[in-house]
C-alpha cells in the first residue's frame, strides 16, 4: 500500500504529535511505501529520503512566540499539496491535524477522490496561554478553534484520536461519530531497562529520591505546580529532588520560582536530551509526575509507564486513562501542589509500594505497544481504500 502522511509537525520537532507521526511512518515503512508531507526548516521546498521514508518538505516560517515551531503559509498550499498527490498517487492520505498541511492535503485529496484518514492531536487549550487575549474573548477563540477543527475533520472518511477521552471530545464539538480511539503507542522494547549512572554523571544529578518530568517546559504543562510541591516533599523526604528533562520557554521562570522557594539546588534542568538517552532519563527517576491539564494522551507518561515508573498525574483530560488512582500511581486535583506533595511522599517513602505500582504501570503500558497502533491503522486504511485498490495494494505488501 502507498500511504501519504501529512504532518504539520515532524522531526526534528520535539513534541508528542511529531513523535507519533515518526513512529507511524517508521512502523508502516517496513511493509508499505510511505511518504510524509511536512514543513522544512527553512523557506526552501525539497524532497529527501530518510530510513526508507520519502519526506516532502515544504517551505515554512517560524511561529511567533513558539521557539522551534514552524508553519507552512496557507497561500497556494492546496495547489502544492495537489501536485505532490498527483506525483505520489497514494492509496490513502493520513493527516495528523486540521491545520495548514493537514487541511491542504485533505482538500486536495478530496478533489481527487482519494480516501482520507484524520488523527487529531490538537487542543486549543494548549495554545491559549500564548494568545494575546484573556477572559471571554479567549473562550470565544477556543470555541471557534474547536468548531473549525470539527468542520475540517468532518470531511475525512475516518477520524481517530489517541484516547476515548479525546475521541469523545471531538464528537462533543461536532465531528460526526464514531471517532475511533487508537493509542499513539510507544516502543516498549526501548524502555524495558536502562542504566542511569551515565545519565546522572553527564547531567550532574545526584543519586537521591527523584521525581521527574520529561517533555516541553512550556506554560501549558503547569510545571510550576511540581516546583511548588517540592518544599513540602523535602520536609518529609530529605534530599528529594526534581528532574526536568527538556527545553521550553518556562525554564527561566521555573528557575526563579525554585529560587524563591529555596529549592534551587534540588531542581535539575537537563536541557535538550537526545532521543537515544530518554530511557536512561526515565531510569534516573523514582516517580514520574505530570501536572498537565490539556493532554489528549501524553506519550511521555506512556514512556514513563513503559519504564516501570509509578505516575502521579493531574486528574484532568486524558491522564486518568493512563493513571489509575492507587493502582499504578495517584491522581491529584489540577493545580493542587499540597495534594501532589502528599502523593509524591507516599511513593518516595515506600519504595516497595513504588516498585509494585511501577510494575503495574509497565503492564498497562504493554497494551499500548506501537506495533498494535500500526496494525490498527493498517486495518483502517484497508477499510477506506476502494476494494480493488486495497486488494492490489495488499498483494504488493505480501
Protein backbone atom coordinates (compact mmCIF):
# COMPACT_ATOMS: atom_id res chain seq x y z
CA UNK A 1 0.00 0.00 0.00
CA UNK A 2 1.20 3.51 -0.71
CA UNK A 3 0.49 5.74 2.31
CA UNK A 4 0.98 9.50 2.45
CA UNK A 5 1.14 11.06 5.92
CA UNK A 6 0.53 14.79 6.32
CA UNK A 7 2.12 16.23 9.47
CA UNK A 8 2.29 19.87 10.47
CA UNK A 9 4.96 18.88 12.99
CA UNK A 10 7.60 16.21 12.35
CA UNK A 11 11.28 15.51 13.01
CA UNK A 12 13.28 17.30 14.27
CA UNK A 13 10.36 18.85 16.19
CA UNK A 14 10.15 17.67 19.81
CA UNK A 15 6.53 17.05 20.79
CA UNK A 16 4.05 14.21 21.02
CA UNK A 17 2.40 14.71 17.63
CA UNK A 18 5.80 14.76 15.92
CA UNK A 19 6.93 11.58 17.67
CA UNK A 20 3.70 9.82 16.81
CA UNK A 21 3.99 10.68 13.12
CA UNK A 22 7.59 9.45 13.09
CA UNK A 23 6.67 6.20 14.84
CA UNK A 24 3.76 5.58 12.49
CA UNK A 25 5.83 6.27 9.39
CA UNK A 26 8.64 4.04 10.61
CA UNK A 27 6.28 1.21 11.56
CA UNK A 28 4.46 1.33 8.24
CA UNK A 29 7.68 1.66 6.26
CA UNK A 30 8.70 -1.97 6.76
CA UNK A 31 5.65 -3.19 4.81
CA UNK A 32 4.41 -0.27 2.73
CA UNK A 33 5.65 2.64 0.65
CA UNK A 34 5.43 5.68 2.92
CA UNK A 35 5.59 9.37 2.07
CA UNK A 36 5.46 12.23 4.58
CA UNK A 37 4.47 15.80 3.73
CA UNK A 38 5.65 18.26 6.37
CA UNK A 39 7.40 21.56 6.99
CA UNK A 40 11.02 22.18 6.06
CA UNK A 41 13.29 24.01 8.48
CA UNK A 42 13.58 26.86 6.00
CA UNK A 43 11.62 28.53 3.22
CA UNK A 44 13.07 26.11 0.67
CA UNK A 45 10.93 23.23 -0.59
CA UNK A 46 12.74 19.92 -1.12
CA UNK A 47 12.36 16.13 -1.05
CA UNK A 48 14.62 13.74 0.83
CA UNK A 49 14.58 10.00 1.65
CA UNK A 50 15.43 9.02 5.23
CA UNK A 51 15.30 5.48 6.59
CA UNK A 52 13.18 4.39 3.66
CA UNK A 53 10.61 7.19 4.14
CA UNK A 54 10.23 9.83 1.42
CA UNK A 55 9.87 13.27 3.05
CA UNK A 56 8.32 16.08 1.01
CA UNK A 57 9.46 19.17 2.88
CA UNK A 58 7.51 22.37 2.26
CA UNK A 59 8.84 25.89 2.77
CA UNK A 60 7.92 27.21 6.21
CA UNK A 61 8.20 30.17 8.58
CA UNK A 62 8.86 30.27 12.34
CA UNK A 63 5.88 30.52 14.69
CA UNK A 64 5.97 33.74 16.68
CA UNK A 65 6.49 33.17 20.44
CA UNK A 66 6.85 29.39 19.97
CA UNK A 67 10.54 28.66 19.64
CA UNK A 68 11.30 25.69 17.41
CA UNK A 69 7.83 25.52 15.86
CA UNK A 70 7.28 26.33 12.19
CA UNK A 71 4.27 26.55 9.89
CA UNK A 72 3.63 26.37 6.16
CA UNK A 73 1.88 29.54 4.91
CA UNK A 74 -1.57 28.59 3.56
CA UNK A 75 -1.46 30.68 0.37
CA UNK A 76 -1.16 28.27 -2.54
CA UNK A 77 -0.74 25.30 -0.23
CA UNK A 78 -3.66 23.30 -1.63
CA UNK A 79 -2.13 23.53 -5.12
CA UNK A 80 1.25 22.41 -3.79
CA UNK A 81 -0.39 19.52 -1.94
CA UNK A 82 -2.26 18.56 -5.10
CA UNK A 83 0.93 18.39 -7.14
CA UNK A 84 2.50 16.09 -4.54
CA UNK A 85 -0.57 13.84 -4.58
CA UNK A 86 -0.52 13.70 -8.38
CA UNK A 87 3.13 12.67 -8.30
CA UNK A 88 2.91 10.15 -5.45
CA UNK A 89 -0.58 8.78 -6.21
CA UNK A 90 -1.14 7.34 -2.72
CA UNK A 91 -3.78 4.75 -1.90
CA UNK A 92 -4.66 6.63 1.28
CA UNK A 93 -3.84 10.00 2.84
CA UNK A 94 -3.48 10.20 6.63
CA UNK A 95 -3.41 13.75 8.02
CA UNK A 96 -2.24 14.41 11.57
CA UNK A 97 -4.03 17.70 12.12
CA UNK A 98 -6.60 20.07 10.67
CA UNK A 99 -4.00 22.85 10.46
CA UNK A 100 -2.15 24.12 7.41
CA UNK A 101 -0.54 20.98 5.95
CA UNK A 102 -3.32 18.63 7.02
CA UNK A 103 -6.05 20.97 5.80
CA UNK A 104 -4.42 21.48 2.41
CA UNK A 105 -3.84 17.76 1.86
CA UNK A 106 -7.39 16.91 2.91
CA UNK A 107 -8.82 19.44 0.43
CA UNK A 108 -6.54 18.29 -2.40
CA UNK A 109 -7.24 14.60 -1.69
CA UNK A 110 -10.99 15.12 -1.77
CA UNK A 111 -10.70 16.91 -5.12
CA UNK A 112 -9.02 13.75 -6.44
CA UNK A 113 -11.34 11.25 -4.79
CA UNK A 114 -8.61 9.89 -2.51
CA UNK A 115 -9.65 8.45 0.87
CA UNK A 116 -8.51 10.44 3.89
CA UNK A 117 -7.96 9.32 7.47
CA UNK A 118 -7.51 12.11 10.03
CA UNK A 119 -6.00 11.94 13.50
CA UNK A 120 -6.33 14.78 15.99
CA UNK A 121 -3.51 15.74 18.38
CA UNK A 122 -4.72 19.31 18.88
CA UNK A 123 -6.34 21.10 21.81
CA UNK A 124 -6.92 24.86 21.62
CA UNK A 125 -6.23 24.90 25.36
CA UNK A 126 -2.56 24.22 24.56
CA UNK A 127 -2.41 27.46 22.59
CA UNK A 128 -4.48 29.57 24.98
CA UNK A 129 -1.55 30.67 27.20
CA UNK A 130 0.14 32.20 24.14
CA UNK A 131 -2.84 34.19 22.90
CA UNK A 132 -2.72 37.97 23.45
CA UNK A 133 -6.29 37.93 24.82
CA UNK A 134 -7.93 36.87 28.06
CA UNK A 135 -11.31 36.14 29.55
CA UNK A 136 -14.42 35.97 27.39
CA UNK A 137 -12.56 36.69 24.16
CA UNK A 138 -10.15 33.82 24.77
CA UNK A 139 -13.09 31.50 25.47
CA UNK A 140 -14.71 32.55 22.19
CA UNK A 141 -11.49 31.93 20.28
CA UNK A 142 -11.20 28.46 21.80
CA UNK A 143 -14.79 27.64 20.83
CA UNK A 144 -14.13 28.91 17.31
CA UNK A 145 -10.95 26.80 17.11
CA UNK A 146 -12.85 23.66 18.12
CA UNK A 147 -15.62 24.41 15.61
CA UNK A 148 -13.03 24.95 12.88
CA UNK A 149 -11.36 21.62 13.71
CA UNK A 150 -14.72 19.85 13.61
CA UNK A 151 -15.56 21.38 10.24
CA UNK A 152 -12.28 20.20 8.68
CA UNK A 153 -12.22 16.74 10.26
CA UNK A 154 -15.81 16.12 9.21
CA UNK A 155 -14.57 15.90 5.62
CA UNK A 156 -12.38 12.85 6.34
CA UNK A 157 -13.58 9.28 5.76
CA UNK A 158 -12.41 8.20 9.23
CA UNK A 159 -11.36 10.31 12.22
CA UNK A 160 -9.25 8.95 15.08
CA UNK A 161 -7.94 10.28 18.39
CA UNK A 162 -5.43 8.83 20.86
CA UNK A 163 -7.81 8.02 23.76
CA UNK A 164 -11.51 7.53 24.44
CA UNK A 165 -11.46 10.93 26.16
CA UNK A 166 -10.01 12.58 23.04
CA UNK A 167 -12.50 10.78 20.79
CA UNK A 168 -15.48 11.86 22.91
CA UNK A 169 -14.14 15.40 22.97
CA UNK A 170 -14.10 15.56 19.16
CA UNK A 171 -17.63 14.22 18.94
CA UNK A 172 -18.78 16.76 21.52
CA UNK A 173 -17.55 19.66 19.37
CA UNK A 174 -19.29 18.42 16.24
CA UNK A 175 -17.21 15.75 14.49
CA UNK A 176 -19.66 13.08 13.27
CA UNK A 177 -19.08 9.85 15.16
CA UNK A 178 -17.88 7.40 15.71
CA UNK A 179 -14.42 8.87 16.25
CA UNK A 180 -12.11 5.88 16.73
CA UNK A 181 -9.79 5.79 19.75
CA UNK A 182 -6.38 4.45 18.66
CA UNK A 183 -3.48 4.91 21.06
CA UNK A 184 -0.39 6.73 19.82
CA UNK A 185 1.54 3.79 21.24
CA UNK A 186 5.16 3.57 22.28
CA UNK A 187 8.11 1.33 21.51
CA UNK A 188 8.06 -0.86 24.60
CA UNK A 189 11.38 -2.51 23.80
CA UNK A 190 13.21 0.81 24.26
CA UNK A 191 12.05 1.38 27.81
CA UNK A 192 12.21 -2.02 29.50
CA UNK A 193 15.54 -1.36 31.19
CA UNK A 194 18.29 1.26 31.07
CA UNK A 195 21.30 2.24 33.14
CA UNK A 196 21.02 5.58 34.91
CA UNK A 197 24.59 6.03 36.16
CA UNK A 198 25.99 7.61 32.98
CA UNK A 199 22.99 9.92 32.68
CA UNK A 200 23.37 11.08 36.28
CA UNK A 201 27.06 11.75 35.77
CA UNK A 202 26.56 13.61 32.49
CA UNK A 203 23.88 15.95 33.86
CA UNK A 204 25.13 16.23 37.44
CA UNK A 205 22.07 14.62 39.01
CA UNK A 206 22.81 13.15 42.46
CA UNK A 207 21.60 9.65 43.32
CA UNK A 208 18.73 10.72 45.59
CA UNK A 209 14.93 10.27 45.67
CA UNK A 210 13.92 11.74 42.31
CA UNK A 211 10.67 13.00 40.83
CA UNK A 212 10.93 13.52 37.07
CA UNK A 213 9.09 15.16 34.23
CA UNK A 214 10.08 14.66 30.58
CA UNK A 215 8.77 16.96 27.86
CA UNK A 216 8.46 20.57 26.81
CA UNK A 217 8.97 23.08 29.62
CA UNK A 218 6.11 25.21 28.35
CA UNK A 219 3.31 27.02 30.12
CA UNK A 220 0.52 24.53 29.43
CA UNK A 221 2.47 21.80 31.24
CA UNK A 222 1.91 23.55 34.62
CA UNK A 223 5.39 22.68 35.83
CA UNK A 224 5.24 25.40 38.46
CA UNK A 225 2.93 23.02 40.37
CA UNK A 226 5.75 20.46 40.57
CA UNK A 227 8.22 23.09 41.80
CA UNK A 228 5.73 24.42 44.37
CA UNK A 229 5.20 20.90 45.71
CA UNK A 230 8.91 20.25 46.19
CA UNK A 231 9.50 22.11 49.52
CA UNK A 232 6.75 20.09 51.22
CA UNK A 233 8.17 16.88 49.78
CA UNK A 234 11.66 17.72 51.01
CA UNK A 235 10.44 18.42 54.55
CA UNK A 236 9.37 14.78 54.79
CA UNK A 237 11.85 13.19 52.33
CA UNK A 238 15.19 14.94 52.90
CA UNK A 239 17.25 15.07 49.74
CA UNK A 240 14.28 14.65 47.39
CA UNK A 241 14.83 16.38 44.07
CA UNK A 242 13.01 17.30 40.86
CA UNK A 243 14.44 16.45 37.44
CA UNK A 244 13.04 18.38 34.46
CA UNK A 245 14.14 16.87 31.15
CA UNK A 246 13.59 19.04 28.09
CA UNK A 247 13.55 22.62 26.92
CA UNK A 248 10.90 25.32 26.78
CA UNK A 249 10.02 28.93 27.33
CA UNK A 250 9.29 28.47 31.04
CA UNK A 251 12.74 27.38 32.21
CA UNK A 252 13.83 30.82 33.47
CA UNK A 253 10.51 31.30 35.24
CA UNK A 254 10.81 27.90 36.90
CA UNK A 255 14.39 28.64 37.96
CA UNK A 256 13.21 31.89 39.55
CA UNK A 257 10.39 30.11 41.35
CA UNK A 258 12.79 27.48 42.68
CA UNK A 259 14.99 30.29 43.99
CA UNK A 260 12.10 31.98 45.78
CA UNK A 261 11.13 28.66 47.37
CA UNK A 262 14.75 27.95 48.36
CA UNK A 263 14.95 24.67 46.39
CA UNK A 264 17.32 25.80 43.64
CA UNK A 265 19.83 23.07 44.47
CA UNK A 266 17.11 20.43 44.29
CA UNK A 267 15.74 21.23 40.82
CA UNK A 268 17.80 19.97 37.88
CA UNK A 269 17.30 21.13 34.29
CA UNK A 270 18.94 18.94 31.67
CA UNK A 271 18.04 21.00 28.60
CA UNK A 272 17.58 19.08 25.37
CA UNK A 273 18.20 15.35 25.70
CA UNK A 274 18.76 13.20 22.65
CA UNK A 275 16.02 10.66 21.98
CA UNK A 276 18.51 7.83 22.47
CA UNK A 277 19.13 9.00 26.05
CA UNK A 278 15.48 9.15 27.11
CA UNK A 279 15.35 5.58 28.52
CA UNK A 280 18.21 6.49 30.86
CA UNK A 281 16.43 9.72 31.84
CA UNK A 282 13.39 7.74 32.98
CA UNK A 283 15.61 5.22 34.73
CA UNK A 284 17.03 8.07 36.81
CA UNK A 285 13.62 8.70 38.41
CA UNK A 286 11.71 7.02 41.20
CA UNK A 287 8.38 8.67 40.30
CA UNK A 288 7.10 10.41 37.18
CA UNK A 289 4.85 13.44 37.65
CA UNK A 290 2.62 15.19 35.11
CA UNK A 291 0.63 18.27 36.12
CA UNK A 292 -0.65 18.97 32.59
CA UNK A 293 -4.35 19.66 32.11
CA UNK A 294 -4.51 19.63 28.31
CA UNK A 295 -3.30 16.13 27.43
CA UNK A 296 -5.04 14.08 24.74
CA UNK A 297 -2.83 11.15 25.77
CA UNK A 298 0.76 12.05 26.84
CA UNK A 299 3.48 10.00 25.22
CA UNK A 300 5.91 10.95 27.98
CA UNK A 301 3.58 9.42 30.57
CA UNK A 302 3.32 6.27 28.46
CA UNK A 303 7.11 6.09 28.20
CA UNK A 304 7.44 6.52 31.96
CA UNK A 305 4.97 3.68 32.49
CA UNK A 306 6.83 1.51 29.99
CA UNK A 307 9.96 2.25 32.03
CA UNK A 308 8.28 0.80 35.11
CA UNK A 309 7.64 4.04 36.97
CA UNK A 310 4.66 4.88 39.16
CA UNK A 311 2.95 8.05 37.93
CA UNK A 312 1.35 10.95 39.77
CA UNK A 313 -0.84 12.87 37.35
CA UNK A 314 -3.38 15.66 37.31
CA UNK A 315 -6.95 14.36 37.35
CA UNK A 316 -7.71 16.03 34.06
CA UNK A 317 -8.12 15.41 30.33
CA UNK A 318 -6.76 12.03 29.24
CA UNK A 319 -4.35 11.35 32.12
CA UNK A 320 -6.90 9.26 34.06
CA UNK A 321 -6.88 6.85 31.10
CA UNK A 322 -3.25 6.08 31.95
CA UNK A 323 -3.00 6.75 35.68
CA UNK A 324 -5.29 4.51 37.70
CA UNK A 325 -5.55 6.03 41.14
CA UNK A 326 -3.95 3.84 43.85
CA UNK A 327 -3.13 1.18 41.22
CA UNK A 328 -0.15 2.37 39.15
CA UNK A 329 0.12 5.78 40.81
CA UNK A 330 -2.10 8.56 42.03
CA UNK A 331 -4.23 11.36 40.66
CA UNK A 332 -4.39 14.80 42.25
CA UNK A 333 -6.68 17.81 41.72
CA UNK A 334 -5.23 20.04 38.96
CA UNK A 335 -3.06 22.80 40.36
CA UNK A 336 -3.12 21.43 43.92
CA UNK A 337 0.54 21.41 44.94
CA UNK A 338 -0.26 20.31 48.50
CA UNK A 339 -2.05 17.13 47.45
CA UNK A 340 0.59 16.49 44.80
CA UNK A 341 3.28 16.67 47.50
CA UNK A 342 1.35 14.18 49.66
CA UNK A 343 1.08 11.72 46.74
CA UNK A 344 4.77 12.03 45.94
CA UNK A 345 5.76 11.48 49.56
CA UNK A 346 3.58 8.36 49.74
CA UNK A 347 5.61 6.83 46.92
CA UNK A 348 9.07 8.12 47.80
CA UNK A 349 8.69 6.99 51.42
CA UNK A 350 7.64 3.48 50.43
CA UNK A 351 9.95 2.05 47.73
CA UNK A 352 8.18 -1.33 47.82
CA UNK A 353 4.85 0.33 47.03
CA UNK A 354 6.51 2.39 44.29
CA UNK A 355 8.03 -0.72 42.70
CA UNK A 356 4.69 -2.54 42.78
CA UNK A 357 2.93 0.39 41.14
CA UNK A 358 5.75 0.64 38.64
CA UNK A 359 5.23 -2.99 37.61
CA UNK A 360 1.54 -2.24 37.16
CA UNK A 361 2.45 0.76 35.02
CA UNK A 362 4.52 -1.47 32.78
CA UNK A 363 1.65 -3.96 32.48
CA UNK A 364 -0.74 -1.18 31.46
CA UNK A 365 1.78 0.26 29.00
CA UNK A 366 2.05 -3.11 27.27
CA UNK A 367 -1.46 -2.53 25.95
CA UNK A 368 -0.07 0.44 24.02
CA UNK A 369 2.72 -1.21 22.03
CA UNK A 370 3.33 0.78 18.85
CA UNK A 371 3.11 -2.40 16.78
CA UNK A 372 -0.54 -2.64 17.77
CA UNK A 373 -1.07 1.01 16.83
CA UNK A 374 0.42 0.48 13.37
CA UNK A 375 -1.70 -2.64 12.86
CA UNK A 376 -4.83 -0.74 13.88
CA UNK A 377 -4.17 1.96 11.30
CA UNK A 378 -3.45 -0.63 8.62
CA UNK A 379 -6.92 -2.01 9.31
CA UNK A 380 -8.43 1.47 9.00
CA UNK A 381 -6.61 2.05 5.71
CA UNK A 382 -7.89 -1.22 4.27
CA UNK A 383 -11.42 -0.23 5.21
CA UNK A 384 -11.31 3.13 3.42
CA UNK A 385 -9.32 2.20 0.31
CA UNK A 386 -11.64 1.06 -2.51
CA UNK A 387 -11.76 -2.75 -2.71
CA UNK A 388 -9.88 -3.24 -5.94
CA UNK A 389 -7.07 -0.89 -4.96
CA UNK A 390 -6.86 -2.45 -1.50
CA UNK A 391 -6.56 -5.97 -2.93
CA UNK A 392 -3.81 -4.89 -5.28
CA UNK A 393 -2.00 -2.97 -2.56
CA UNK A 394 -2.13 -5.81 -0.08
CA UNK A 395 -0.85 -8.17 -2.75
CA UNK A 396 2.19 -5.95 -3.19
CA UNK A 397 2.70 -5.74 0.57
CA UNK A 398 2.54 -9.53 0.89
